[in-house]
Structures are given as C-alpha cells and as structure tokens.
C-alpha cells in the first residue's frame, strides 16, 4: 500500500510528531493498518471513507505505542460497523439489515 505524503503528514499532525526521522516506520505502520482493516472489513478508499481513515489512524497509533494487542477489543464495534457498511454498499448477499 502506497502511503501519500499528505496522508502521512495528517497522521503526524494528529500524533504531534514534528520530525521526519520516523517517516519510513510510520508509512510502514499506516500501510499495515490499512491492509489489516481491509482484510477484516473489506476494501475501502482511505481518502473517501472517514470512518476507515479514523480506524487506520487509531490502529497505527496503537502499533506506534506498542499496544496493538488492545486495538481489536477496544474498537470492535467500530470495526464491525465499518465491515457491515462496506458489505451493504457492495451488496453482499450474506449480509441482511
């Protein structure tokens, strides 16, 4: 997953990171978060789906702070909600309202 400079800068601003020495690591963490959440929820466009972006940022924050093992439990309802929303948009026949 290619992380744009704008996306990286938005995450850094949110995390109050002003230096660039960790940019490669942050890009990697953001990329891992996108892949993980897309595997759980389905494909989303990170630039168009605000809930997906929020979850990517939160998962990356947990990974950055070495607390990733707590992310799924703490954000289970948001992950489930995003997955259902994506499935309904795609017209998944296995999902009913």
PDB file of N, CA and C in Angstrom:
ATOM      1  N   UNK A   1       0.857  -1.190   0.000  1.00  0.00           N
ATOM      2  CA  UNK A   1       0.000   0.000   0.000  1.00  0.00           C
ATOM      3  C   UNK A   1       0.890   1.235   0.000  1.00  0.00           C
ATOM      4  N   UNK A   2       0.681   2.089  -0.962  1.00  0.00           N
ATOM      5  CA  UNK A   2       1.480   3.306  -1.079  1.00  0.00           C
ATOM      6  C   UNK A   2       0.847   4.420  -0.237  1.00  0.00           C
ATOM      7  N   UNK A   3       1.594   4.918   0.719  1.00  0.00           N
ATOM      8  CA  UNK A   3       1.115   5.974   1.609  1.00  0.00           C
ATOM      9  C   UNK A   3       1.571   7.322   1.053  1.00  0.00           C
ATOM     10  N   UNK A   4       0.612   8.207   0.800  1.00  0.00           N
ATOM     11  CA  UNK A   4       0.948   9.521   0.261  1.00  0.00           C
ATOM     12  C   UNK A   4       1.561  10.395   1.346  1.00  0.00           C
ATOM     13  N   UNK A   5       2.295  11.402   0.898  1.00  0.00           N
ATOM     14  CA  UNK A   5       2.895  12.357   1.826  1.00  0.00           C
ATOM     15  C   UNK A   5       1.820  13.086   2.620  1.00  0.00           C
ATOM     16  N   UNK A   6       0.719  13.456   1.961  1.00  0.00           N
ATOM     17  CA  UNK A   6      -0.372  14.156   2.648  1.00  0.00           C
ATOM     18  C   UNK A   6      -0.978  13.297   3.754  1.00  0.00           C
ATOM     19  N   UNK A   7      -1.164  12.007   3.456  1.00  0.00           N
ATOM     20  CA  UNK A   7      -1.733  11.095   4.442  1.00  0.00           C
ATOM     21  C   UNK A   7      -0.794  10.949   5.633  1.00  0.00           C
ATOM     22  N   UNK A   8       0.486  10.777   5.345  1.00  0.00           N
ATOM     23  CA  UNK A   8       1.489  10.675   6.400  1.00  0.00           C
ATOM     24  C   UNK A   8       1.506  11.945   7.251  1.00  0.00           C
ATOM     25  N   UNK A   9       1.503  13.099   6.612  1.00  0.00           N
ATOM     26  CA  UNK A   9       1.539  14.363   7.353  1.00  0.00           C
ATOM     27  C   UNK A   9       0.300  14.553   8.213  1.00  0.00           C
ATOM     28  N   UNK A  10      -0.856  14.120   7.720  1.00  0.00           N
ATOM     29  CA  UNK A  10      -2.083  14.223   8.512  1.00  0.00           C
ATOM     30  C   UNK A  10      -1.971  13.358   9.772  1.00  0.00           C
ATOM     31  N   UNK A  11      -1.422  12.156   9.621  1.00  0.00           N
ATOM     32  CA  UNK A  11      -1.235  11.300  10.788  1.00  0.00           C
ATOM     33  C   UNK A  11      -0.223  11.910  11.756  1.00  0.00           C
ATOM     34  N   UNK A  12       0.888  12.410  11.238  1.00  0.00           N
ATOM     35  CA  UNK A  12       1.907  13.011  12.094  1.00  0.00           C
ATOM     36  C   UNK A  12       1.353  14.215  12.855  1.00  0.00           C
ATOM     37  N   UNK A  13       0.545  15.018  12.187  1.00  0.00           N
ATOM     38  CA  UNK A  13      -0.065  16.176  12.851  1.00  0.00           C
ATOM     39  C   UNK A  13      -0.967  15.716  13.989  1.00  0.00           C
ATOM     40  N   UNK A  14      -1.739  14.701  13.736  1.00  0.00           N
ATOM     41  CA  UNK A  14      -2.636  14.158  14.764  1.00  0.00           C
ATOM     42  C   UNK A  14      -1.852  13.630  15.962  1.00  0.00           C
ATOM     43  N   UNK A  15      -0.701  13.026  15.692  1.00  0.00           N
ATOM     44  CA  UNK A  15       0.119  12.432  16.742  1.00  0.00           C
ATOM     45  C   UNK A  15       1.115  13.431  17.341  1.00  0.00           C
ATOM     46  N   UNK A  16       1.122  14.656  16.835  1.00  0.00           N
ATOM     47  CA  UNK A  16       2.052  15.692  17.291  1.00  0.00           C
ATOM     48  C   UNK A  16       3.506  15.267  17.085  1.00  0.00           C
ATOM     49  N   UNK A  17       3.763  14.687  15.908  1.00  0.00           N
ATOM     50  CA  UNK A  17       5.120  14.287  15.534  1.00  0.00           C
ATOM     51  C   UNK A  17       5.620  15.320  14.528  1.00  0.00           C
ATOM     52  N   UNK A  18       6.651  16.058  14.898  1.00  0.00           N
ATOM     53  CA  UNK A  18       7.113  17.146  14.030  1.00  0.00           C
ATOM     54  C   UNK A  18       8.394  16.810  13.276  1.00  0.00           C
ATOM     55  N   UNK A  19       9.048  15.737  13.618  1.00  0.00           N
ATOM     56  CA  UNK A  19      10.300  15.369  12.952  1.00  0.00           C
ATOM     57  C   UNK A  19      10.024  14.353  11.840  1.00  0.00           C
ATOM     58  N   UNK A  20      11.004  14.146  10.992  1.00  0.00           N
ATOM     59  CA  UNK A  20      10.819  13.212   9.876  1.00  0.00           C
ATOM     60  C   UNK A  20      11.655  11.947  10.025  1.00  0.00           C
ATOM     61  N   UNK A  21      12.338  11.788  11.133  1.00  0.00           N
ATOM     62  CA  UNK A  21      13.224  10.633  11.299  1.00  0.00           C
ATOM     63  C   UNK A  21      12.469   9.305  11.338  1.00  0.00           C
ATOM     64  N   UNK A  22      11.174   9.338  11.641  1.00  0.00           N
ATOM     65  CA  UNK A  22      10.388   8.106  11.714  1.00  0.00           C
ATOM     66  C   UNK A  22       9.441   7.921  10.528  1.00  0.00           C
ATOM     67  N   UNK A  23       9.582   8.731   9.511  1.00  0.00           N
ATOM     68  CA  UNK A  23       8.639   8.680   8.396  1.00  0.00           C
ATOM     69  C   UNK A  23       8.523   7.299   7.763  1.00  0.00           C
ATOM     70  N   UNK A  24       9.638   6.635   7.524  1.00  0.00           N
ATOM     71  CA  UNK A  24       9.580   5.308   6.898  1.00  0.00           C
ATOM     72  C   UNK A  24       8.833   4.320   7.780  1.00  0.00           C
ATOM     73  N   UNK A  25       9.105   4.358   9.081  1.00  0.00           N
ATOM     74  CA  UNK A  25       8.405   3.469  10.009  1.00  0.00           C
ATOM     75  C   UNK A  25       6.920   3.798  10.056  1.00  0.00           C
ATOM     76  N   UNK A  26       6.573   5.074  10.094  1.00  0.00           N
ATOM     77  CA  UNK A  26       5.162   5.468  10.134  1.00  0.00           C
ATOM     78  C   UNK A  26       4.437   5.048   8.861  1.00  0.00           C
ATOM     79  N   UNK A  27       5.082   5.195   7.713  1.00  0.00           N
ATOM     80  CA  UNK A  27       4.472   4.746   6.453  1.00  0.00           C
ATOM     81  C   UNK A  27       4.204   3.248   6.499  1.00  0.00           C
ATOM     82  N   UNK A  28       5.154   2.505   7.026  1.00  0.00           N
ATOM     83  CA  UNK A  28       5.000   1.055   7.134  1.00  0.00           C
ATOM     84  C   UNK A  28       3.834   0.715   8.070  1.00  0.00           C
ATOM     85  N   UNK A  29       3.771   1.372   9.216  1.00  0.00           N
ATOM     86  CA  UNK A  29       2.685   1.118  10.168  1.00  0.00           C
ATOM     87  C   UNK A  29       1.322   1.483   9.583  1.00  0.00           C
ATOM     88  N   UNK A  30       1.249   2.611   8.888  1.00  0.00           N
ATOM     89  CA  UNK A  30      -0.007   3.007   8.241  1.00  0.00           C
ATOM     90  C   UNK A  30      -0.414   1.986   7.185  1.00  0.00           C
ATOM     91  N   UNK A  31       0.541   1.533   6.410  1.00  0.00           N
ATOM     92  CA  UNK A  31       0.268   0.541   5.372  1.00  0.00           C
ATOM     93  C   UNK A  31      -0.233  -0.767   5.986  1.00  0.00           C
ATOM     94  N   UNK A  32       0.424  -1.228   7.037  1.00  0.00           N
ATOM     95  CA  UNK A  32      -0.007  -2.449   7.723  1.00  0.00           C
ATOM     96  C   UNK A  32      -1.424  -2.290   8.271  1.00  0.00           C
ATOM     97  N   UNK A  33      -1.741  -1.116   8.784  1.00  0.00           N
ATOM     98  CA  UNK A  33      -3.068  -0.870   9.343  1.00  0.00           C
ATOM     99  C   UNK A  33      -4.141  -0.906   8.262  1.00  0.00           C
ATOM    100  N   UNK A  34      -3.861  -0.320   7.117  1.00  0.00           N
ATOM    101  CA  UNK A  34      -4.819  -0.345   6.007  1.00  0.00           C
ATOM    102  C   UNK A  34      -5.071  -1.782   5.575  1.00  0.00           C
ATOM    103  N   UNK A  35      -4.005  -2.547   5.377  1.00  0.00           N
ATOM    104  CA  UNK A  35      -4.142  -3.939   4.942  1.00  0.00           C
ATOM    105  C   UNK A  35      -4.931  -4.746   5.973  1.00  0.00           C
ATOM    106  N   UNK A  36      -4.595  -4.593   7.242  1.00  0.00           N
ATOM    107  CA  UNK A  36      -5.286  -5.344   8.298  1.00  0.00           C
ATOM    108  C   UNK A  36      -6.772  -5.024   8.316  1.00  0.00           C
ATOM    109  N   UNK A  37      -7.117  -3.751   8.270  1.00  0.00           N
ATOM    110  CA  UNK A  37      -8.526  -3.371   8.332  1.00  0.00           C
ATOM    111  C   UNK A  37      -9.280  -3.755   7.065  1.00  0.00           C
ATOM    112  N   UNK A  38      -8.626  -3.727   5.920  1.00  0.00           N
ATOM    113  CA  UNK A  38      -9.299  -4.169   4.699  1.00  0.00           C
ATOM    114  C   UNK A  38      -9.529  -5.677   4.714  1.00  0.00           C
ATOM    115  N   UNK A  39      -8.629  -6.427   5.327  1.00  0.00           N
ATOM    116  CA  UNK A  39      -8.847  -7.862   5.467  1.00  0.00           C
ATOM    117  C   UNK A  39     -10.031  -8.149   6.386  1.00  0.00           C
ATOM    118  N   UNK A  40     -10.218  -7.335   7.402  1.00  0.00           N
ATOM    119  CA  UNK A  40     -11.307  -7.531   8.354  1.00  0.00           C
ATOM    120  C   UNK A  40     -12.642  -6.993   7.845  1.00  0.00           C
ATOM    121  N   UNK A  41     -12.592  -5.864   7.133  1.00  0.00           N
ATOM    122  CA  UNK A  41     -13.818  -5.139   6.803  1.00  0.00           C
ATOM    123  C   UNK A  41     -14.195  -5.152   5.330  1.00  0.00           C
ATOM    124  N   UNK A  42     -13.245  -5.364   4.458  1.00  0.00           N
ATOM    125  CA  UNK A  42     -13.479  -5.230   3.029  1.00  0.00           C
ATOM    126  C   UNK A  42     -12.746  -4.013   2.500  1.00  0.00           C
ATOM    127  N   UNK A  43     -12.723  -3.881   1.182  1.00  0.00           N
ATOM    128  CA  UNK A  43     -11.974  -2.789   0.557  1.00  0.00           C
ATOM    129  C   UNK A  43     -12.662  -1.448   0.810  1.00  0.00           C
ATOM    130  N   UNK A  44     -11.854  -0.443   1.108  1.00  0.00           N
ATOM    131  CA  UNK A  44     -12.352   0.922   1.261  1.00  0.00           C
ATOM    132  C   UNK A  44     -11.344   1.879   0.657  1.00  0.00           C
ATOM    133  N   UNK A  45     -11.827   3.062   0.313  1.00  0.00           N
ATOM    134  CA  UNK A  45     -10.979   4.131  -0.197  1.00  0.00           C
ATOM    135  C   UNK A  45     -10.659   5.043   0.981  1.00  0.00           C
ATOM    136  N   UNK A  46      -9.407   5.020   1.390  1.00  0.00           N
ATOM    137  CA  UNK A  46      -8.983   5.743   2.584  1.00  0.00           C
ATOM    138  C   UNK A  46      -9.220   7.250   2.466  1.00  0.00           C
ATOM    139  N   UNK A  47      -9.235   7.774   1.249  1.00  0.00           N
ATOM    140  CA  UNK A  47      -9.445   9.207   1.056  1.00  0.00           C
ATOM    141  C   UNK A  47     -10.923   9.591   1.113  1.00  0.00           C
ATOM    142  N   UNK A  48     -11.821   8.630   0.899  1.00  0.00           N
ATOM    143  CA  UNK A  48     -13.244   8.941   0.835  1.00  0.00           C
ATOM    144  C   UNK A  48     -14.026   8.464   2.049  1.00  0.00           C
ATOM    145  N   UNK A  49     -13.493   7.504   2.783  1.00  0.00           N
ATOM    146  CA  UNK A  49     -14.225   6.930   3.910  1.00  0.00           C
ATOM    147  C   UNK A  49     -13.606   7.411   5.219  1.00  0.00           C
ATOM    148  N   UNK A  50     -14.251   8.376   5.833  1.00  0.00           N
ATOM    149  CA  UNK A  50     -13.743   8.967   7.069  1.00  0.00           C
ATOM    150  C   UNK A  50     -13.654   7.984   8.220  1.00  0.00           C
ATOM    151  N   UNK A  51     -14.627   7.069   8.309  1.00  0.00           N
ATOM    152  CA  UNK A  51     -14.574   6.077   9.389  1.00  0.00           C
ATOM    153  C   UNK A  51     -13.395   5.137   9.202  1.00  0.00           C
ATOM    154  N   UNK A  52     -13.122   4.764   7.984  1.00  0.00           N
ATOM    155  CA  UNK A  52     -11.980   3.886   7.713  1.00  0.00           C
ATOM    156  C   UNK A  52     -10.673   4.601   8.044  1.00  0.00           C
ATOM    157  N   UNK A  53     -10.574   5.863   7.642  1.00  0.00           N
ATOM    158  CA  UNK A  53      -9.366   6.639   7.941  1.00  0.00           C
ATOM    159  C   UNK A  53      -9.158   6.747   9.441  1.00  0.00           C
ATOM    160  N   UNK A  54     -10.224   7.011  10.171  1.00  0.00           N
ATOM    161  CA  UNK A  54     -10.141   7.109  11.625  1.00  0.00           C
ATOM    162  C   UNK A  54      -9.627   5.810  12.235  1.00  0.00           C
ATOM    163  N   UNK A  55     -10.146   4.690  11.780  1.00  0.00           N
ATOM    164  CA  UNK A  55      -9.696   3.395  12.297  1.00  0.00           C
ATOM    165  C   UNK A  55      -8.242   3.114  11.924  1.00  0.00           C
ATOM    166  N   UNK A  56      -7.845   3.478  10.725  1.00  0.00           N
ATOM    167  CA  UNK A  56      -6.443   3.299  10.319  1.00  0.00           C
ATOM    168  C   UNK A  56      -5.543   4.124  11.228  1.00  0.00           C
ATOM    169  N   UNK A  57      -5.911   5.369  11.479  1.00  0.00           N
ATOM    170  CA  UNK A  57      -5.110   6.218  12.355  1.00  0.00           C
ATOM    171  C   UNK A  57      -5.051   5.638  13.774  1.00  0.00           C
ATOM    172  N   UNK A  58      -6.188   5.173  14.271  1.00  0.00           N
ATOM    173  CA  UNK A  58      -6.213   4.618  15.629  1.00  0.00           C
ATOM    174  C   UNK A  58      -5.376   3.345  15.716  1.00  0.00           C
ATOM    175  N   UNK A  59      -5.497   2.450  14.727  1.00  0.00           N
ATOM    176  CA  UNK A  59      -4.714   1.221  14.752  1.00  0.00           C
ATOM    177  C   UNK A  59      -3.228   1.542  14.672  1.00  0.00           C
ATOM    178  N   UNK A  60      -2.881   2.517  13.849  1.00  0.00           N
ATOM    179  CA  UNK A  60      -1.481   2.909  13.713  1.00  0.00           C
ATOM    180  C   UNK A  60      -0.963   3.526  15.011  1.00  0.00           C
ATOM    181  N   UNK A  61      -1.790   4.288  15.675  1.00  0.00           N
ATOM    182  CA  UNK A  61      -1.412   4.856  16.971  1.00  0.00           C
ATOM    183  C   UNK A  61      -1.127   3.749  17.973  1.00  0.00           C
ATOM    184  N   UNK A  62      -1.982   2.743  18.010  1.00  0.00           N
ATOM    185  CA  UNK A  62      -1.755   1.616  18.907  1.00  0.00           C
ATOM    186  C   UNK A  62      -0.460   0.892  18.542  1.00  0.00           C
ATOM    187  N   UNK A  63      -0.223   0.671  17.255  1.00  0.00           N
ATOM    188  CA  UNK A  63       1.001  -0.007  16.818  1.00  0.00           C
ATOM    189  C   UNK A  63       2.229   0.825  17.175  1.00  0.00           C
ATOM    190  N   UNK A  64       2.157   2.112  16.961  1.00  0.00           N
ATOM    191  CA  UNK A  64       3.273   3.016  17.255  1.00  0.00           C
ATOM    192  C   UNK A  64       3.627   2.990  18.738  1.00  0.00           C
ATOM    193  N   UNK A  65       2.614   2.849  19.575  1.00  0.00           N
ATOM    194  CA  UNK A  65       2.816   2.846  21.025  1.00  0.00           C
ATOM    195  C   UNK A  65       2.951   1.431  21.606  1.00  0.00           C
ATOM    196  N   UNK A  66       3.213   0.451  20.753  1.00  0.00           N
ATOM    197  CA  UNK A  66       3.400  -0.944  21.182  1.00  0.00           C
ATOM    198  C   UNK A  66       2.237  -1.464  22.027  1.00  0.00           C
ATOM    199  N   UNK A  67       1.018  -1.133  21.620  1.00  0.00           N
ATOM    200  CA  UNK A  67      -0.174  -1.591  22.332  1.00  0.00           C
ATOM    201  C   UNK A  67      -1.183  -2.215  21.372  1.00  0.00           C
ATOM    202  N   UNK A  68      -0.703  -2.748  20.267  1.00  0.00           N
ATOM    203  CA  UNK A  68      -1.584  -3.249  19.215  1.00  0.00           C
ATOM    204  C   UNK A  68      -2.507  -4.361  19.703  1.00  0.00           C
ATOM    205  N   UNK A  69      -2.081  -5.120  20.690  1.00  0.00           N
ATOM    206  CA  UNK A  69      -2.904  -6.226  21.184  1.00  0.00           C
ATOM    207  C   UNK A  69      -4.236  -5.743  21.780  1.00  0.00           C
ATOM    208  N   UNK A  70      -4.367  -4.464  22.074  1.00  0.00           N
ATOM    209  CA  UNK A  70      -5.596  -3.917  22.650  1.00  0.00           C
ATOM    210  C   UNK A  70      -6.533  -3.304  21.604  1.00  0.00           C
ATOM    211  N   UNK A  71      -6.040  -3.103  20.399  1.00  0.00           N
ATOM    212  CA  UNK A  71      -6.821  -2.380  19.397  1.00  0.00           C
ATOM    213  C   UNK A  71      -8.139  -3.080  19.056  1.00  0.00           C
ATOM    214  N   UNK A  72      -8.075  -4.363  18.688  1.00  0.00           N
ATOM    215  CA  UNK A  72      -9.286  -5.052  18.243  1.00  0.00           C
ATOM    216  C   UNK A  72     -10.379  -5.032  19.304  1.00  0.00           C
ATOM    217  N   UNK A  73     -10.031  -5.290  20.553  1.00  0.00           N
ATOM    218  CA  UNK A  73     -11.035  -5.270  21.624  1.00  0.00           C
ATOM    219  C   UNK A  73     -11.600  -3.871  21.838  1.00  0.00           C
ATOM    220  N   UNK A  74     -10.745  -2.863  21.825  1.00  0.00           N
ATOM    221  CA  UNK A  74     -11.194  -1.502  22.100  1.00  0.00           C
ATOM    222  C   UNK A  74     -12.009  -0.886  20.964  1.00  0.00           C
ATOM    223  N   UNK A  75     -11.830  -1.380  19.743  1.00  0.00           N
ATOM    224  CA  UNK A  75     -12.518  -0.804  18.586  1.00  0.00           C
ATOM    225  C   UNK A  75     -13.413  -1.813  17.870  1.00  0.00           C
ATOM    226  N   UNK A  76     -13.798  -2.871  18.571  1.00  0.00           N
ATOM    227  CA  UNK A  76     -14.593  -3.930  17.951  1.00  0.00           C
ATOM    228  C   UNK A  76     -15.877  -3.408  17.316  1.00  0.00           C
ATOM    229  N   UNK A  77     -16.609  -2.553  18.010  1.00  0.00           N
ATOM    230  CA  UNK A  77     -17.880  -2.075  17.451  1.00  0.00           C
ATOM    231  C   UNK A  77     -17.661  -1.219  16.202  1.00  0.00           C
ATOM    232  N   UNK A  78     -16.612  -0.403  16.183  1.00  0.00           N
ATOM    233  CA  UNK A  78     -16.334   0.420  15.011  1.00  0.00           C
ATOM    234  C   UNK A  78     -15.866  -0.441  13.828  1.00  0.00           C
ATOM    235  N   UNK A  79     -15.057  -1.465  14.112  1.00  0.00           N
ATOM    236  CA  UNK A  79     -14.592  -2.373  13.054  1.00  0.00           C
ATOM    237  C   UNK A  79     -15.781  -3.117  12.463  1.00  0.00           C
ATOM    238  N   UNK A  80     -16.656  -3.624  13.318  1.00  0.00           N
ATOM    239  CA  UNK A  80     -17.843  -4.340  12.862  1.00  0.00           C
ATOM    240  C   UNK A  80     -18.749  -3.429  12.047  1.00  0.00           C
ATOM    241  N   UNK A  81     -18.956  -2.223  12.535  1.00  0.00           N
ATOM    242  CA  UNK A  81     -19.804  -1.266  11.836  1.00  0.00           C
ATOM    243  C   UNK A  81     -19.248  -0.934  10.448  1.00  0.00           C
ATOM    244  N   UNK A  82     -17.946  -0.713  10.360  1.00  0.00           N
ATOM    245  CA  UNK A  82     -17.339  -0.427   9.066  1.00  0.00           C
ATOM    246  C   UNK A  82     -17.490  -1.619   8.132  1.00  0.00           C
ATOM    247  N   UNK A  83     -17.240  -2.814   8.631  1.00  0.00           N
ATOM    248  CA  UNK A  83     -17.373  -4.014   7.806  1.00  0.00           C
ATOM    249  C   UNK A  83     -18.787  -4.198   7.286  1.00  0.00           C
ATOM    250  N   UNK A  84     -19.773  -3.981   8.141  1.00  0.00           N
ATOM    251  CA  UNK A  84     -21.169  -4.095   7.708  1.00  0.00           C
ATOM    252  C   UNK A  84     -21.516  -3.031   6.676  1.00  0.00           C
ATOM    253  N   UNK A  85     -21.053  -1.828   6.905  1.00  0.00           N
ATOM    254  CA  UNK A  85     -21.311  -0.737   5.970  1.00  0.00           C
ATOM    255  C   UNK A  85     -20.725  -1.049   4.591  1.00  0.00           C
ATOM    256  N   UNK A  86     -19.512  -1.554   4.567  1.00  0.00           N
ATOM    257  CA  UNK A  86     -18.862  -1.901   3.295  1.00  0.00           C
ATOM    258  C   UNK A  86     -19.604  -3.046   2.613  1.00  0.00           C
ATOM    259  N   UNK A  87     -19.990  -4.047   3.382  1.00  0.00           N
ATOM    260  CA  UNK A  87     -20.707  -5.191   2.819  1.00  0.00           C
ATOM    261  C   UNK A  87     -22.046  -4.767   2.230  1.00  0.00           C
ATOM    262  N   UNK A  88     -22.749  -3.871   2.919  1.00  0.00           N
ATOM    263  CA  UNK A  88     -24.033  -3.402   2.414  1.00  0.00           C
ATOM    264  C   UNK A  88     -23.870  -2.573   1.145  1.00  0.00           C
ATOM    265  N   UNK A  89     -22.823  -1.757   1.088  1.00  0.00           N
ATOM    266  CA  UNK A  89     -22.563  -0.956  -0.110  1.00  0.00           C
ATOM    267  C   UNK A  89     -22.243  -1.841  -1.300  1.00  0.00           C
ATOM    268  N   UNK A  90     -21.536  -2.950  -1.046  1.00  0.00           N
ATOM    269  CA  UNK A  90     -21.160  -3.868  -2.114  1.00  0.00           C
ATOM    270  C   UNK A  90     -22.282  -4.823  -2.481  1.00  0.00           C
ATOM    271  N   UNK A  91     -23.370  -4.799  -1.686  1.00  0.00           N
ATOM    272  CA  UNK A  91     -24.491  -5.671  -1.975  1.00  0.00           C
ATOM    273  C   UNK A  91     -24.204  -7.120  -1.649  1.00  0.00           C
ATOM    274  N   UNK A  92     -23.455  -7.384  -0.603  1.00  0.00           N
ATOM    275  CA  UNK A  92     -23.127  -8.747  -0.187  1.00  0.00           C
ATOM    276  C   UNK A  92     -24.415  -9.485   0.173  1.00  0.00           C
ATOM    277  N   UNK A  93     -24.719 -10.596  -0.498  1.00  0.00           N
ATOM    278  CA  UNK A  93     -25.955 -11.321  -0.231  1.00  0.00           C
ATOM    279  C   UNK A  93     -25.980 -11.998   1.133  1.00  0.00           C
ATOM    280  N   UNK A  94     -24.834 -12.156   1.791  1.00  0.00           N
ATOM    281  CA  UNK A  94     -24.772 -12.791   3.102  1.00  0.00           C
ATOM    282  C   UNK A  94     -25.069 -11.814   4.239  1.00  0.00           C
ATOM    283  N   UNK A  95     -25.219 -10.533   3.932  1.00  0.00           N
ATOM    284  CA  UNK A  95     -25.476  -9.520   4.957  1.00  0.00           C
ATOM    285  C   UNK A  95     -26.900  -9.018   4.796  1.00  0.00           C
ATOM    286  N   UNK A  96     -27.653  -9.075   5.894  1.00  0.00           N
ATOM    287  CA  UNK A  96     -29.007  -8.542   5.855  1.00  0.00           C
ATOM    288  C   UNK A  96     -29.164  -7.481   6.921  1.00  0.00           C
ATOM    289  N   UNK A  97     -30.104  -6.597   6.696  1.00  0.00           N
ATOM    290  CA  UNK A  97     -30.329  -5.482   7.616  1.00  0.00           C
ATOM    291  C   UNK A  97     -31.208  -5.915   8.754  1.00  0.00           C
TER     292      UNK A  97
END
